Amino acid sequence: MQWRAIKTTGELEQMITKAMAMVELDRIQIPFELEQSKPREEKLDRIRQHLEKTGELDTCIVVHQETMLLVDGYTRYIVAKERGIASVPVRWGNLREFGLYWR
């Protein structure tokens, strides 16, 4: 694999856009370990406030494309679900990228 530098902000934005998609919230699968946990209320409130202020999540949710398994962004997922948001922006990613390994 050969690495190259990104030369412009536009080029970076184009790369990020290609890696993102809008996905129906109901298609995202939640790992059992996350379903059993409850995020801190402060974190939930911060994301709720951002959503109310801007009309969008503060960053996209990360999902494994083949399995639709949530990799990162469980708190954002919960807030979107609470607010009745049908589709959310996701970035395709994998568990190793975040140092996670679900059983």
C-alpha atoms as a PDB file:
ATOM      1  CA  MET A   1       0.000   0.000   0.000  1.00  0.00           C
ATOM      2  CA  GLN A   2       1.301   3.408  -0.923  1.00  0.00           C
ATOM      3  CA  TRP A   3       0.441   6.509   1.122  1.00  0.00           C
ATOM      4  CA  ARG A   4       0.054   9.986  -0.316  1.00  0.00           C
ATOM      5  CA  ALA A   5      -0.605  13.365   1.195  1.00  0.00           C
ATOM      6  CA  ILE A   6      -3.985  15.035   0.859  1.00  0.00           C
ATOM      7  CA  LYS A   7      -3.354  18.342  -0.844  1.00  0.00           C
ATOM      8  CA  THR A   8      -6.565  20.321  -0.321  1.00  0.00           C
ATOM      9  CA  THR A   9      -9.451  20.583   2.100  1.00  0.00           C
ATOM     10  CA  GLY A  10     -11.799  19.870  -0.813  1.00  0.00           C
ATOM     11  CA  GLU A  11     -10.011  16.607  -1.505  1.00  0.00           C
ATOM     12  CA  LEU A  12     -10.366  15.608   2.145  1.00  0.00           C
ATOM     13  CA  GLU A  13     -14.067  16.502   2.185  1.00  0.00           C
ATOM     14  CA  GLN A  14     -14.610  14.478  -0.975  1.00  0.00           C
ATOM     15  CA  MET A  15     -12.935  11.427   0.606  1.00  0.00           C
ATOM     16  CA  ILE A  16     -15.018  11.753   3.776  1.00  0.00           C
ATOM     17  CA  THR A  17     -18.249  12.148   1.806  1.00  0.00           C
ATOM     18  CA  LYS A  18     -17.514   8.984  -0.172  1.00  0.00           C
ATOM     19  CA  ALA A  19     -17.138   7.033   3.050  1.00  0.00           C
ATOM     20  CA  MET A  20     -20.437   8.268   4.504  1.00  0.00           C
ATOM     21  CA  ALA A  21     -24.039   7.296   3.840  1.00  0.00           C
ATOM     22  CA  MET A  22     -27.500   7.895   5.266  1.00  0.00           C
ATOM     23  CA  VAL A  23     -28.828   4.719   6.873  1.00  0.00           C
ATOM     24  CA  GLU A  24     -32.212   3.938   8.394  1.00  0.00           C
ATOM     25  CA  LEU A  25     -31.759   3.738  12.146  1.00  0.00           C
ATOM     26  CA  ASP A  26     -33.714   0.460  12.326  1.00  0.00           C
ATOM     27  CA  ARG A  27     -31.156  -1.266  10.079  1.00  0.00           C
ATOM     28  CA  ILE A  28     -28.313  -0.707  12.559  1.00  0.00           C
ATOM     29  CA  GLN A  29     -27.599  -3.720  14.773  1.00  0.00           C
ATOM     30  CA  ILE A  30     -26.587  -3.029  18.373  1.00  0.00           C
ATOM     31  CA  PRO A  31     -24.074  -5.365  20.065  1.00  0.00           C
ATOM     32  CA  PHE A  32     -25.478  -7.098  23.145  1.00  0.00           C
ATOM     33  CA  GLU A  33     -22.841  -5.517  25.392  1.00  0.00           C
ATOM     34  CA  LEU A  34     -23.970  -2.033  24.392  1.00  0.00           C
ATOM     35  CA  GLU A  35     -27.664  -2.825  24.765  1.00  0.00           C
ATOM     36  CA  GLN A  36     -26.942  -3.776  28.375  1.00  0.00           C
ATOM     37  CA  SER A  37     -25.201  -0.481  29.143  1.00  0.00           C
ATOM     38  CA  LYS A  38     -26.525   3.023  29.746  1.00  0.00           C
ATOM     39  CA  PRO A  39     -24.449   6.029  28.656  1.00  0.00           C
ATOM     40  CA  ARG A  40     -23.833   8.799  31.174  1.00  0.00           C
ATOM     41  CA  GLU A  41     -26.655  11.325  31.315  1.00  0.00           C
ATOM     42  CA  GLU A  42     -24.201  14.224  30.787  1.00  0.00           C
ATOM     43  CA  LYS A  43     -23.078  12.720  27.487  1.00  0.00           C
ATOM     44  CA  LEU A  44     -26.675  12.165  26.383  1.00  0.00           C
ATOM     45  CA  ASP A  45     -27.547  15.764  27.303  1.00  0.00           C
ATOM     46  CA  ARG A  46     -24.590  17.160  25.366  1.00  0.00           C
ATOM     47  CA  ILE A  47     -25.660  15.350  22.206  1.00  0.00           C
ATOM     48  CA  ARG A  48     -29.335  16.297  22.730  1.00  0.00           C
ATOM     49  CA  GLN A  49     -28.388  19.954  23.089  1.00  0.00           C
ATOM     50  CA  HIS A  50     -26.249  19.868  19.964  1.00  0.00           C
ATOM     51  CA  LEU A  51     -29.081  18.231  18.021  1.00  0.00           C
ATOM     52  CA  GLU A  52     -31.603  20.822  19.229  1.00  0.00           C
ATOM     53  CA  LYS A  53     -29.247  23.693  18.427  1.00  0.00           C
ATOM     54  CA  THR A  54     -28.072  22.557  14.967  1.00  0.00           C
ATOM     55  CA  GLY A  55     -30.693  20.070  13.817  1.00  0.00           C
ATOM     56  CA  GLU A  56     -28.090  17.343  13.315  1.00  0.00           C
ATOM     57  CA  LEU A  57     -25.903  14.947  15.271  1.00  0.00           C
ATOM     58  CA  ASP A  58     -22.480  16.275  16.276  1.00  0.00           C
ATOM     59  CA  THR A  59     -20.732  13.563  14.252  1.00  0.00           C
ATOM     60  CA  CYS A  60     -21.698  10.474  12.320  1.00  0.00           C
ATOM     61  CA  ILE A  61     -22.255   7.008  13.735  1.00  0.00           C
ATOM     62  CA  VAL A  62     -19.762   4.314  12.704  1.00  0.00           C
ATOM     63  CA  VAL A  63     -21.206   1.050  11.363  1.00  0.00           C
ATOM     64  CA  HIS A  64     -19.640  -2.083   9.892  1.00  0.00           C
ATOM     65  CA  GLN A  65     -20.971  -2.078   6.332  1.00  0.00           C
ATOM     66  CA  GLU A  66     -21.401  -5.821   5.820  1.00  0.00           C
ATOM     67  CA  THR A  67     -23.053  -6.655   9.155  1.00  0.00           C
ATOM     68  CA  MET A  68     -24.618  -3.250   9.929  1.00  0.00           C
ATOM     69  CA  LEU A  69     -23.206  -3.696  13.443  1.00  0.00           C
ATOM     70  CA  LEU A  70     -22.709  -0.473  15.391  1.00  0.00           C
ATOM     71  CA  VAL A  71     -19.007   0.140  15.950  1.00  0.00           C
ATOM     72  CA  ASP A  72     -19.043   3.626  17.502  1.00  0.00           C
ATOM     73  CA  GLY A  73     -21.695   6.199  18.392  1.00  0.00           C
ATOM     74  CA  TYR A  74     -24.066   4.323  20.692  1.00  0.00           C
ATOM     75  CA  THR A  75     -24.981   7.504  22.579  1.00  0.00           C
ATOM     76  CA  ARG A  76     -25.809   9.271  19.306  1.00  0.00           C
ATOM     77  CA  TYR A  77     -27.861   6.232  18.280  1.00  0.00           C
ATOM     78  CA  ILE A  78     -29.871   6.448  21.521  1.00  0.00           C
ATOM     79  CA  VAL A  79     -30.522  10.188  21.098  1.00  0.00           C
ATOM     80  CA  ALA A  80     -31.580   9.708  17.467  1.00  0.00           C
ATOM     81  CA  LYS A  81     -33.929   6.916  18.533  1.00  0.00           C
ATOM     82  CA  GLU A  82     -35.401   9.089  21.320  1.00  0.00           C
ATOM     83  CA  ARG A  83     -36.051  11.920  18.860  1.00  0.00           C
ATOM     84  CA  GLY A  84     -37.679   9.658  16.277  1.00  0.00           C
ATOM     85  CA  ILE A  85     -35.029  10.277  13.634  1.00  0.00           C
ATOM     86  CA  ALA A  86     -35.553   7.767  10.820  1.00  0.00           C
ATOM     87  CA  SER A  87     -32.136   7.967   9.090  1.00  0.00           C
ATOM     88  CA  VAL A  88     -28.730   8.976  10.396  1.00  0.00           C
ATOM     89  CA  PRO A  89     -25.380   9.728   8.768  1.00  0.00           C
ATOM     90  CA  VAL A  90     -22.991   6.810   9.173  1.00  0.00           C
ATOM     91  CA  ARG A  91     -19.380   6.226   8.317  1.00  0.00           C
ATOM     92  CA  TRP A  92     -18.339   2.729   7.407  1.00  0.00           C
ATOM     93  CA  GLY A  93     -15.757   1.330   9.796  1.00  0.00           C
ATOM     94  CA  ASN A  94     -14.639  -1.819  11.527  1.00  0.00           C
ATOM     95  CA  LEU A  95     -14.073  -2.990  15.076  1.00  0.00           C
ATOM     96  CA  ARG A  96     -10.282  -3.141  14.826  1.00  0.00           C
ATOM     97  CA  GLU A  97     -10.180   0.537  13.886  1.00  0.00           C
ATOM     98  CA  PHE A  98     -11.483   1.293  17.375  1.00  0.00           C
ATOM     99  CA  GLY A  99      -9.651  -1.507  19.184  1.00  0.00           C
ATOM    100  CA  LEU A 100     -12.950  -3.303  19.859  1.00  0.00           C
ATOM    101  CA  TYR A 101     -13.696  -6.980  19.567  1.00  0.00           C
ATOM    102  CA  TRP A 102     -17.278  -8.060  20.259  1.00  0.00           C
ATOM    103  CA  ARG A 103     -17.876 -11.689  21.139  1.00  0.00           C
END
